[in-house]
Amino acid sequence: MTGKLYGLGLGPGDPELLTLKAHRILTSVPVIAYPAPDTGPSFARQIAAPHLPGTQVEIPIVVPMRVERFPAQEIYDEAAEAIAGRLEAGQDVAVLCEGDPFFFGSFMYLFERLSGRFETEVVPGVSSMMAAAAALGRPLAARNDVLSVVPGPLDDDIMRARIEAAGAVAIIKVGRHFSRVRALIRAMGLEAAAGYVERVSLAEQRVLPLAEVGEDVAPYFSMILIYKGGEGWNAGLSPRTSNGMPS
């Protein structure tokens, strides 16, 4: 009998935002796998660390965090075979996923390689988008709003069309595109409706009106939320500390 593969959503960073189901699986499986940069610690493992029993076999999936291209297919091929070896030996394997496994998550590359061969279960997690709206203290979307999730690397013309067509917008993958994206939002007259969140749910979390962000480059874990739902909500947007209270 082969083992079972889990895609385990861990949430945006706060270890307390694991679901009860994710915690149960995380603490009971004999093998865990997780994405890791080629320098520095794995963020996914850091989220899980307070809950790990210390007895599990660990499979780091080392993915270079660089702008230039790298042989991603080979990396996931090798990781899939390492995980498959454990599953074939009858061991369950949990792949640790930041946020939610299927919301812009790398787990999908392992899923397409392994789900046809092994029993697989995806355990959803709290995404950074939901956590950012909670930190801002205003709706992500409401009533009949169309919510668009817009990647920051998109060209300005495409991004403008997506923002114009939506009642609420989450701009992800901001990072080095921050200055350009902010300029576009400002040109569209939506800066007052936009909130900025970085490193949501972590101790170093920052929550600000977009207009008050002084930097021109944002960290990798950052997001801009635009909510067009009325002046009452927009006027209530104020800087917040890491614990979510107004500063």
C-alpha atoms as a PDB file:
ATOM      1  CA  MET A   1       0.000   0.000   0.000  1.00  0.00           C
ATOM      2  CA  THR A   2       1.385   3.395  -0.984  1.00  0.00           C
ATOM      3  CA  GLY A   3       1.417   6.499   1.146  1.00  0.00           C
ATOM      4  CA  LYS A   4      -0.809   9.547   0.750  1.00  0.00           C
ATOM      5  CA  LEU A   5       0.334  12.912  -0.567  1.00  0.00           C
ATOM      6  CA  TYR A   6      -0.913  16.076   1.118  1.00  0.00           C
ATOM      7  CA  GLY A   7      -0.672  19.636  -0.188  1.00  0.00           C
ATOM      8  CA  LEU A   8      -0.788  21.441   3.124  1.00  0.00           C
ATOM      9  CA  GLY A   9      -1.811  25.119   3.223  1.00  0.00           C
ATOM     10  CA  LEU A  10      -0.034  26.828   6.132  1.00  0.00           C
ATOM     11  CA  GLY A  11      -1.423  30.356   5.865  1.00  0.00           C
ATOM     12  CA  PRO A  12       0.408  33.652   5.327  1.00  0.00           C
ATOM     13  CA  GLY A  13       3.024  33.390   8.056  1.00  0.00           C
ATOM     14  CA  ASP A  14       1.536  33.442  11.540  1.00  0.00           C
ATOM     15  CA  PRO A  15       1.823  29.855  12.868  1.00  0.00           C
ATOM     16  CA  GLU A  16      -1.526  30.312  14.639  1.00  0.00           C
ATOM     17  CA  LEU A  17      -3.306  30.678  11.301  1.00  0.00           C
ATOM     18  CA  LEU A  18      -2.951  26.983  10.498  1.00  0.00           C
ATOM     19  CA  THR A  19      -6.274  25.197  10.299  1.00  0.00           C
ATOM     20  CA  LEU A  20      -6.946  22.403  12.776  1.00  0.00           C
ATOM     21  CA  LYS A  21      -6.836  19.926   9.909  1.00  0.00           C
ATOM     22  CA  ALA A  22      -3.470  21.190   8.678  1.00  0.00           C
ATOM     23  CA  HIS A  23      -2.089  20.961  12.217  1.00  0.00           C
ATOM     24  CA  ARG A  24      -3.294  17.388  12.637  1.00  0.00           C
ATOM     25  CA  ILE A  25      -1.694  16.253   9.399  1.00  0.00           C
ATOM     26  CA  LEU A  26       1.473  18.282   9.921  1.00  0.00           C
ATOM     27  CA  THR A  27       2.158  16.713  13.295  1.00  0.00           C
ATOM     28  CA  SER A  28       1.348  13.140  12.262  1.00  0.00           C
ATOM     29  CA  VAL A  29       2.980  12.515   8.870  1.00  0.00           C
ATOM     30  CA  PRO A  30       6.428  10.844   8.835  1.00  0.00           C
ATOM     31  CA  VAL A  31       7.751  12.934   5.915  1.00  0.00           C
ATOM     32  CA  ILE A  32       7.500  16.629   5.089  1.00  0.00           C
ATOM     33  CA  ALA A  33       8.681  18.434   1.956  1.00  0.00           C
ATOM     34  CA  TYR A  34       8.883  22.172   1.437  1.00  0.00           C
ATOM     35  CA  PRO A  35      10.185  24.815  -0.987  1.00  0.00           C
ATOM     36  CA  ALA A  36      13.461  26.404   0.095  1.00  0.00           C
ATOM     37  CA  PRO A  37      15.648  29.117  -1.424  1.00  0.00           C
ATOM     38  CA  ASP A  38      19.241  28.334  -2.323  1.00  0.00           C
ATOM     39  CA  THR A  39      20.307  30.834   0.342  1.00  0.00           C
ATOM     40  CA  GLY A  40      18.592  31.323   3.668  1.00  0.00           C
ATOM     41  CA  PRO A  41      15.797  29.422   5.440  1.00  0.00           C
ATOM     42  CA  SER A  42      12.557  28.076   4.018  1.00  0.00           C
ATOM     43  CA  PHE A  43       9.630  30.380   4.826  1.00  0.00           C
ATOM     44  CA  ALA A  44       7.170  27.480   4.675  1.00  0.00           C
ATOM     45  CA  ARG A  45       9.228  25.514   7.188  1.00  0.00           C
ATOM     46  CA  GLN A  46       9.514  28.556   9.437  1.00  0.00           C
ATOM     47  CA  ILE A  47       5.723  28.792   9.585  1.00  0.00           C
ATOM     48  CA  ALA A  48       5.445  25.111  10.477  1.00  0.00           C
ATOM     49  CA  ALA A  49       8.433  25.001  12.853  1.00  0.00           C
ATOM     50  CA  PRO A  50       6.566  25.604  16.156  1.00  0.00           C
ATOM     51  CA  HIS A  51       4.387  22.571  15.440  1.00  0.00           C
ATOM     52  CA  LEU A  52       6.966  20.075  14.144  1.00  0.00           C
ATOM     53  CA  PRO A  53       7.618  17.075  16.397  1.00  0.00           C
ATOM     54  CA  GLY A  54      11.283  16.859  15.360  1.00  0.00           C
ATOM     55  CA  THR A  55      11.145  13.240  14.216  1.00  0.00           C
ATOM     56  CA  GLN A  56      10.156  13.649  10.561  1.00  0.00           C
ATOM     57  CA  VAL A  57      12.188  13.049   7.447  1.00  0.00           C
ATOM     58  CA  GLU A  58      12.537  16.373   5.592  1.00  0.00           C
ATOM     59  CA  ILE A  59      12.823  16.903   1.835  1.00  0.00           C
ATOM     60  CA  PRO A  60      13.850  20.492   0.967  1.00  0.00           C
ATOM     61  CA  ILE A  61      12.908  21.507  -2.576  1.00  0.00           C
ATOM     62  CA  VAL A  62      15.617  24.029  -3.379  1.00  0.00           C
ATOM     63  CA  VAL A  63      14.353  26.669  -5.807  1.00  0.00           C
ATOM     64  CA  PRO A  64      16.663  29.593  -6.706  1.00  0.00           C
ATOM     65  CA  MET A  65      14.993  32.929  -5.889  1.00  0.00           C
ATOM     66  CA  ARG A  66      16.351  34.967  -8.783  1.00  0.00           C
ATOM     67  CA  VAL A  67      14.977  37.039 -11.652  1.00  0.00           C
ATOM     68  CA  GLU A  68      16.841  35.084 -14.321  1.00  0.00           C
ATOM     69  CA  ARG A  69      15.510  31.772 -15.558  1.00  0.00           C
ATOM     70  CA  PHE A  70      16.523  28.499 -13.960  1.00  0.00           C
ATOM     71  CA  PRO A  71      15.705  24.853 -14.790  1.00  0.00           C
ATOM     72  CA  ALA A  72      12.453  24.791 -12.806  1.00  0.00           C
ATOM     73  CA  GLN A  73      11.094  21.703 -14.555  1.00  0.00           C
ATOM     74  CA  GLU A  74      14.158  19.692 -13.566  1.00  0.00           C
ATOM     75  CA  ILE A  75      13.864  20.843  -9.963  1.00  0.00           C
ATOM     76  CA  TYR A  76      10.244  19.727  -9.713  1.00  0.00           C
ATOM     77  CA  ASP A  77      10.981  16.484 -11.579  1.00  0.00           C
ATOM     78  CA  GLU A  78      13.679  15.617  -9.030  1.00  0.00           C
ATOM     79  CA  ALA A  79      11.512  16.636  -6.075  1.00  0.00           C
ATOM     80  CA  ALA A  80       8.578  14.594  -7.375  1.00  0.00           C
ATOM     81  CA  GLU A  81      10.737  11.484  -7.637  1.00  0.00           C
ATOM     82  CA  ALA A  82      12.150  11.960  -4.136  1.00  0.00           C
ATOM     83  CA  ILE A  83       8.617  12.288  -2.768  1.00  0.00           C
ATOM     84  CA  ALA A  84       7.407   9.360  -4.889  1.00  0.00           C
ATOM     85  CA  GLY A  85      10.091   7.148  -3.344  1.00  0.00           C
ATOM     86  CA  ARG A  86       8.684   7.812   0.123  1.00  0.00           C
ATOM     87  CA  LEU A  87       5.088   7.318  -1.033  1.00  0.00           C
ATOM     88  CA  GLU A  88       5.964   4.016  -2.696  1.00  0.00           C
ATOM     89  CA  ALA A  89       7.497   2.914   0.600  1.00  0.00           C
ATOM     90  CA  GLY A  90       4.108   3.439   2.241  1.00  0.00           C
ATOM     91  CA  GLN A  91       4.915   6.739   3.962  1.00  0.00           C
ATOM     92  CA  ASP A  92       2.547   9.713   3.888  1.00  0.00           C
ATOM     93  CA  VAL A  93       4.152  12.967   2.736  1.00  0.00           C
ATOM     94  CA  ALA A  94       2.959  16.497   3.467  1.00  0.00           C
ATOM     95  CA  VAL A  95       4.196  19.228   1.135  1.00  0.00           C
ATOM     96  CA  LEU A  96       4.218  22.483   3.108  1.00  0.00           C
ATOM     97  CA  CYS A  97       2.698  25.380   1.186  1.00  0.00           C
ATOM     98  CA  GLU A  98       2.739  29.056   2.130  1.00  0.00           C
ATOM     99  CA  GLY A  99      -0.778  30.445   1.995  1.00  0.00           C
ATOM    100  CA  ASP A 100      -3.014  28.128  -0.018  1.00  0.00           C
ATOM    101  CA  PRO A 101      -1.623  25.305  -2.203  1.00  0.00           C
ATOM    102  CA  PHE A 102      -3.667  26.207  -5.286  1.00  0.00           C
ATOM    103  CA  PHE A 103      -3.562  30.020  -5.025  1.00  0.00           C
ATOM    104  CA  PHE A 104      -0.457  30.860  -7.069  1.00  0.00           C
ATOM    105  CA  GLY A 105       1.322  28.053  -5.206  1.00  0.00           C
ATOM    106  CA  SER A 106       4.201  25.917  -6.422  1.00  0.00           C
ATOM    107  CA  PHE A 107       2.477  22.768  -5.137  1.00  0.00           C
ATOM    108  CA  MET A 108       0.531  22.613  -8.400  1.00  0.00           C
ATOM    109  CA  TYR A 109       3.734  21.501 -10.167  1.00  0.00           C
ATOM    110  CA  LEU A 110       4.088  18.537  -7.831  1.00  0.00           C
ATOM    111  CA  PHE A 111       0.368  17.836  -8.020  1.00  0.00           C
ATOM    112  CA  GLU A 112       0.457  17.455 -11.794  1.00  0.00           C
ATOM    113  CA  ARG A 113       3.405  15.058 -11.508  1.00  0.00           C
ATOM    114  CA  LEU A 114       2.157  12.883  -8.642  1.00  0.00           C
ATOM    115  CA  SER A 115      -1.638  13.035  -8.245  1.00  0.00           C
ATOM    116  CA  GLY A 116      -2.218  10.557 -11.037  1.00  0.00           C
ATOM    117  CA  ARG A 117       0.017   7.982  -9.329  1.00  0.00           C
ATOM    118  CA  PHE A 118      -0.802   8.451  -5.643  1.00  0.00           C
ATOM    119  CA  GLU A 119      -3.772   9.290  -3.459  1.00  0.00           C
ATOM    120  CA  THR A 120      -3.635  13.054  -2.951  1.00  0.00           C
ATOM    121  CA  GLU A 121      -5.460  15.519  -0.727  1.00  0.00           C
ATOM    122  CA  VAL A 122      -5.187  19.292  -0.883  1.00  0.00           C
ATOM    123  CA  VAL A 123      -5.786  21.066   2.424  1.00  0.00           C
ATOM    124  CA  PRO A 124      -6.687  24.736   1.850  1.00  0.00           C
ATOM    125  CA  GLY A 125      -5.038  27.484   3.835  1.00  0.00           C
ATOM    126  CA  VAL A 126      -5.607  31.139   4.682  1.00  0.00           C
ATOM    127  CA  SER A 127      -4.241  33.141   1.766  1.00  0.00           C
ATOM    128  CA  SER A 128      -2.258  36.352   2.186  1.00  0.00           C
ATOM    129  CA  MET A 129      -5.016  38.166   0.274  1.00  0.00           C
ATOM    130  CA  MET A 130      -7.588  37.385   2.983  1.00  0.00           C
ATOM    131  CA  ALA A 131      -5.070  38.160   5.714  1.00  0.00           C
ATOM    132  CA  ALA A 132      -4.232  41.522   4.108  1.00  0.00           C
ATOM    133  CA  ALA A 133      -7.894  42.562   4.006  1.00  0.00           C
ATOM    134  CA  ALA A 134      -8.222  41.633   7.680  1.00  0.00           C
ATOM    135  CA  ALA A 135      -5.114  43.671   8.528  1.00  0.00           C
ATOM    136  CA  LEU A 136      -6.475  46.689   6.631  1.00  0.00           C
ATOM    137  CA  GLY A 137      -9.756  46.372   8.491  1.00  0.00           C
ATOM    138  CA  ARG A 138     -12.024  46.700   5.459  1.00  0.00           C
ATOM    139  CA  PRO A 139     -13.748  44.341   3.020  1.00  0.00           C
ATOM    140  CA  LEU A 140     -11.877  42.519   0.317  1.00  0.00           C
ATOM    141  CA  ALA A 141     -15.087  42.571  -1.731  1.00  0.00           C
ATOM    142  CA  ALA A 142     -18.796  42.911  -0.994  1.00  0.00           C
ATOM    143  CA  ARG A 143     -22.242  42.382  -2.506  1.00  0.00           C
ATOM    144  CA  ASN A 144     -21.933  42.103  -6.289  1.00  0.00           C
ATOM    145  CA  ASP A 145     -18.347  43.366  -6.515  1.00  0.00           C
ATOM    146  CA  VAL A 146     -16.149  41.691  -9.073  1.00  0.00           C
ATOM    147  CA  LEU A 147     -12.819  40.907  -7.397  1.00  0.00           C
ATOM    148  CA  SER A 148      -9.777  40.766  -9.670  1.00  0.00           C
ATOM    149  CA  VAL A 149      -6.415  39.334  -8.665  1.00  0.00           C
ATOM    150  CA  VAL A 150      -3.817  41.142 -10.748  1.00  0.00           C
ATOM    151  CA  PRO A 151      -0.119  40.153 -10.890  1.00  0.00           C
ATOM    152  CA  GLY A 152       2.215  43.141 -10.619  1.00  0.00           C
ATOM    153  CA  PRO A 153       4.431  42.133 -13.582  1.00  0.00           C
ATOM    154  CA  LEU A 154       1.555  42.681 -16.068  1.00  0.00           C
ATOM    155  CA  ASP A 155       1.914  45.518 -18.563  1.00  0.00           C
ATOM    156  CA  ASP A 156       0.284  48.807 -17.580  1.00  0.00           C
ATOM    157  CA  ASP A 157      -2.397  48.657 -20.286  1.00  0.00           C
ATOM    158  CA  ILE A 158      -3.529  45.196 -19.226  1.00  0.00           C
ATOM    159  CA  MET A 159      -3.415  46.101 -15.549  1.00  0.00           C
ATOM    160  CA  ARG A 160      -5.404  49.295 -16.127  1.00  0.00           C
ATOM    161  CA  ALA A 161      -8.137  47.362 -17.943  1.00  0.00           C
ATOM    162  CA  ARG A 162      -8.363  44.775 -15.150  1.00  0.00           C
ATOM    163  CA  ILE A 163      -8.552  47.458 -12.452  1.00  0.00           C
ATOM    164  CA  GLU A 164     -11.157  49.486 -14.336  1.00  0.00           C
ATOM    165  CA  ALA A 165     -13.371  46.421 -14.826  1.00  0.00           C
ATOM    166  CA  ALA A 166     -13.376  45.384 -11.156  1.00  0.00           C
ATOM    167  CA  GLY A 167     -15.048  46.679  -8.017  1.00  0.00           C
ATOM    168  CA  ALA A 168     -12.188  45.394  -5.891  1.00  0.00           C
ATOM    169  CA  VAL A 169      -8.614  44.505  -6.793  1.00  0.00           C
ATOM    170  CA  ALA A 170      -5.757  42.599  -5.185  1.00  0.00           C
ATOM    171  CA  ILE A 171      -2.402  43.364  -6.796  1.00  0.00           C
ATOM    172  CA  ILE A 172       0.086  40.652  -5.920  1.00  0.00           C
ATOM    173  CA  LYS A 173       3.740  40.035  -6.806  1.00  0.00           C
ATOM    174  CA  VAL A 174       4.372  43.758  -6.329  1.00  0.00           C
ATOM    175  CA  GLY A 175       8.043  43.712  -5.283  1.00  0.00           C
ATOM    176  CA  ARG A 176      10.292  45.519  -7.758  1.00  0.00           C
ATOM    177  CA  HIS A 177       7.242  46.640  -9.757  1.00  0.00           C
ATOM    178  CA  PHE A 178       5.932  48.728  -6.862  1.00  0.00           C
ATOM    179  CA  SER A 179       6.867  52.204  -8.126  1.00  0.00           C
ATOM    180  CA  ARG A 180       5.330  51.592 -11.565  1.00  0.00           C
ATOM    181  CA  VAL A 181       2.161  50.047 -10.127  1.00  0.00           C
ATOM    182  CA  ARG A 182       1.693  52.897  -7.649  1.00  0.00           C
ATOM    183  CA  ALA A 183       2.140  55.460 -10.445  1.00  0.00           C
ATOM    184  CA  LEU A 184      -0.576  53.723 -12.473  1.00  0.00           C
ATOM    185  CA  ILE A 185      -2.986  53.628  -9.510  1.00  0.00           C
ATOM    186  CA  ARG A 186      -2.313  57.305  -8.865  1.00  0.00           C
ATOM    187  CA  ALA A 187      -2.910  58.177 -12.523  1.00  0.00           C
ATOM    188  CA  MET A 188      -6.245  56.332 -12.365  1.00  0.00           C
ATOM    189  CA  GLY A 189      -7.326  58.425  -9.367  1.00  0.00           C
ATOM    190  CA  LEU A 190      -7.552  55.380  -7.089  1.00  0.00           C
ATOM    191  CA  GLU A 191      -4.713  56.009  -4.658  1.00  0.00           C
ATOM    192  CA  ALA A 192      -7.112  57.044  -1.872  1.00  0.00           C
ATOM    193  CA  ALA A 193      -8.926  53.723  -2.249  1.00  0.00           C
ATOM    194  CA  ALA A 194      -5.732  51.645  -2.074  1.00  0.00           C
ATOM    195  CA  GLY A 195      -4.106  50.028   0.943  1.00  0.00           C
ATOM    196  CA  TYR A 196      -0.626  48.555   1.169  1.00  0.00           C
ATOM    197  CA  VAL A 197       0.356  45.535   3.267  1.00  0.00           C
ATOM    198  CA  GLU A 198       3.732  43.847   3.559  1.00  0.00           C
ATOM    199  CA  ARG A 199       4.738  40.721   5.486  1.00  0.00           C
ATOM    200  CA  VAL A 200       1.148  40.273   6.619  1.00  0.00           C
ATOM    201  CA  SER A 201       0.582  38.441   9.935  1.00  0.00           C
ATOM    202  CA  LEU A 202       4.300  38.482  10.802  1.00  0.00           C
ATOM    203  CA  ALA A 203       5.938  40.503  13.583  1.00  0.00           C
ATOM    204  CA  GLU A 204       7.360  42.966  11.031  1.00  0.00           C
ATOM    205  CA  GLN A 205       4.007  43.516   9.287  1.00  0.00           C
ATOM    206  CA  ARG A 206       3.371  46.991   7.822  1.00  0.00           C
ATOM    207  CA  VAL A 207      -0.103  48.278   6.945  1.00  0.00           C
ATOM    208  CA  LEU A 208      -0.414  51.705   5.322  1.00  0.00           C
ATOM    209  CA  PRO A 209      -2.530  53.773   2.962  1.00  0.00           C
ATOM    210  CA  LEU A 210      -0.757  53.456  -0.372  1.00  0.00           C
ATOM    211  CA  ALA A 211      -0.197  57.220  -0.488  1.00  0.00           C
ATOM    212  CA  GLU A 212       1.909  57.064   2.682  1.00  0.00           C
ATOM    213  CA  VAL A 213       4.420  54.443   1.510  1.00  0.00           C
ATOM    214  CA  GLY A 214       7.744  56.216   1.112  1.00  0.00           C
ATOM    215  CA  GLU A 215       9.773  53.529  -0.633  1.00  0.00           C
ATOM    216  CA  ASP A 216       9.950  52.883  -4.373  1.00  0.00           C
ATOM    217  CA  VAL A 217      10.571  49.128  -4.020  1.00  0.00           C
ATOM    218  CA  ALA A 218       8.472  46.720  -1.981  1.00  0.00           C
ATOM    219  CA  PRO A 219       9.574  43.405  -0.450  1.00  0.00           C
ATOM    220  CA  TYR A 220       8.580  40.128  -2.077  1.00  0.00           C
ATOM    221  CA  PHE A 221       5.809  39.540   0.469  1.00  0.00           C
ATOM    222  CA  SER A 222       3.750  42.650  -0.257  1.00  0.00           C
ATOM    223  CA  MET A 223       0.333  43.425  -1.717  1.00  0.00           C
ATOM    224  CA  ILE A 224      -1.889  46.338  -2.722  1.00  0.00           C
ATOM    225  CA  LEU A 225      -5.647  46.098  -2.187  1.00  0.00           C
ATOM    226  CA  ILE A 226      -8.056  48.488  -3.896  1.00  0.00           C
ATOM    227  CA  TYR A 227     -11.634  48.619  -2.659  1.00  0.00           C
ATOM    228  CA  LYS A 228     -14.061  50.895  -4.490  1.00  0.00           C
ATOM    229  CA  GLY A 229     -16.866  50.297  -2.012  1.00  0.00           C
ATOM    230  CA  GLY A 230     -17.449  53.836  -0.766  1.00  0.00           C
ATOM    231  CA  GLU A 231     -15.885  56.843   0.888  1.00  0.00           C
ATOM    232  CA  GLY A 232     -16.675  55.559   4.377  1.00  0.00           C
ATOM    233  CA  TRP A 233     -14.304  52.639   4.033  1.00  0.00           C
ATOM    234  CA  ASN A 234     -11.617  54.607   2.223  1.00  0.00           C
ATOM    235  CA  ALA A 235     -11.622  57.403   4.789  1.00  0.00           C
ATOM    236  CA  GLY A 236     -11.179  54.856   7.556  1.00  0.00           C
ATOM    237  CA  LEU A 237      -7.908  53.543   6.123  1.00  0.00           C
ATOM    238  CA  SER A 238      -5.112  54.458   8.524  1.00  0.00           C
ATOM    239  CA  PRO A 239      -1.626  53.126   9.294  1.00  0.00           C
ATOM    240  CA  ARG A 240      -1.650  50.066  11.530  1.00  0.00           C
ATOM    241  CA  THR A 241       0.967  48.407  13.647  1.00  0.00           C
ATOM    242  CA  SER A 242       2.002  44.755  13.537  1.00  0.00           C
ATOM    243  CA  ASN A 243      -0.807  43.808  15.930  1.00  0.00           C
ATOM    244  CA  GLY A 244      -3.402  45.373  13.631  1.00  0.00           C
ATOM    245  CA  MET A 245      -4.229  48.365  15.838  1.00  0.00           C
ATOM    246  CA  PRO A 246      -4.215  51.900  14.374  1.00  0.00           C
ATOM    247  CA  SER A 247      -0.898  53.617  14.985  1.00  0.00           C
END
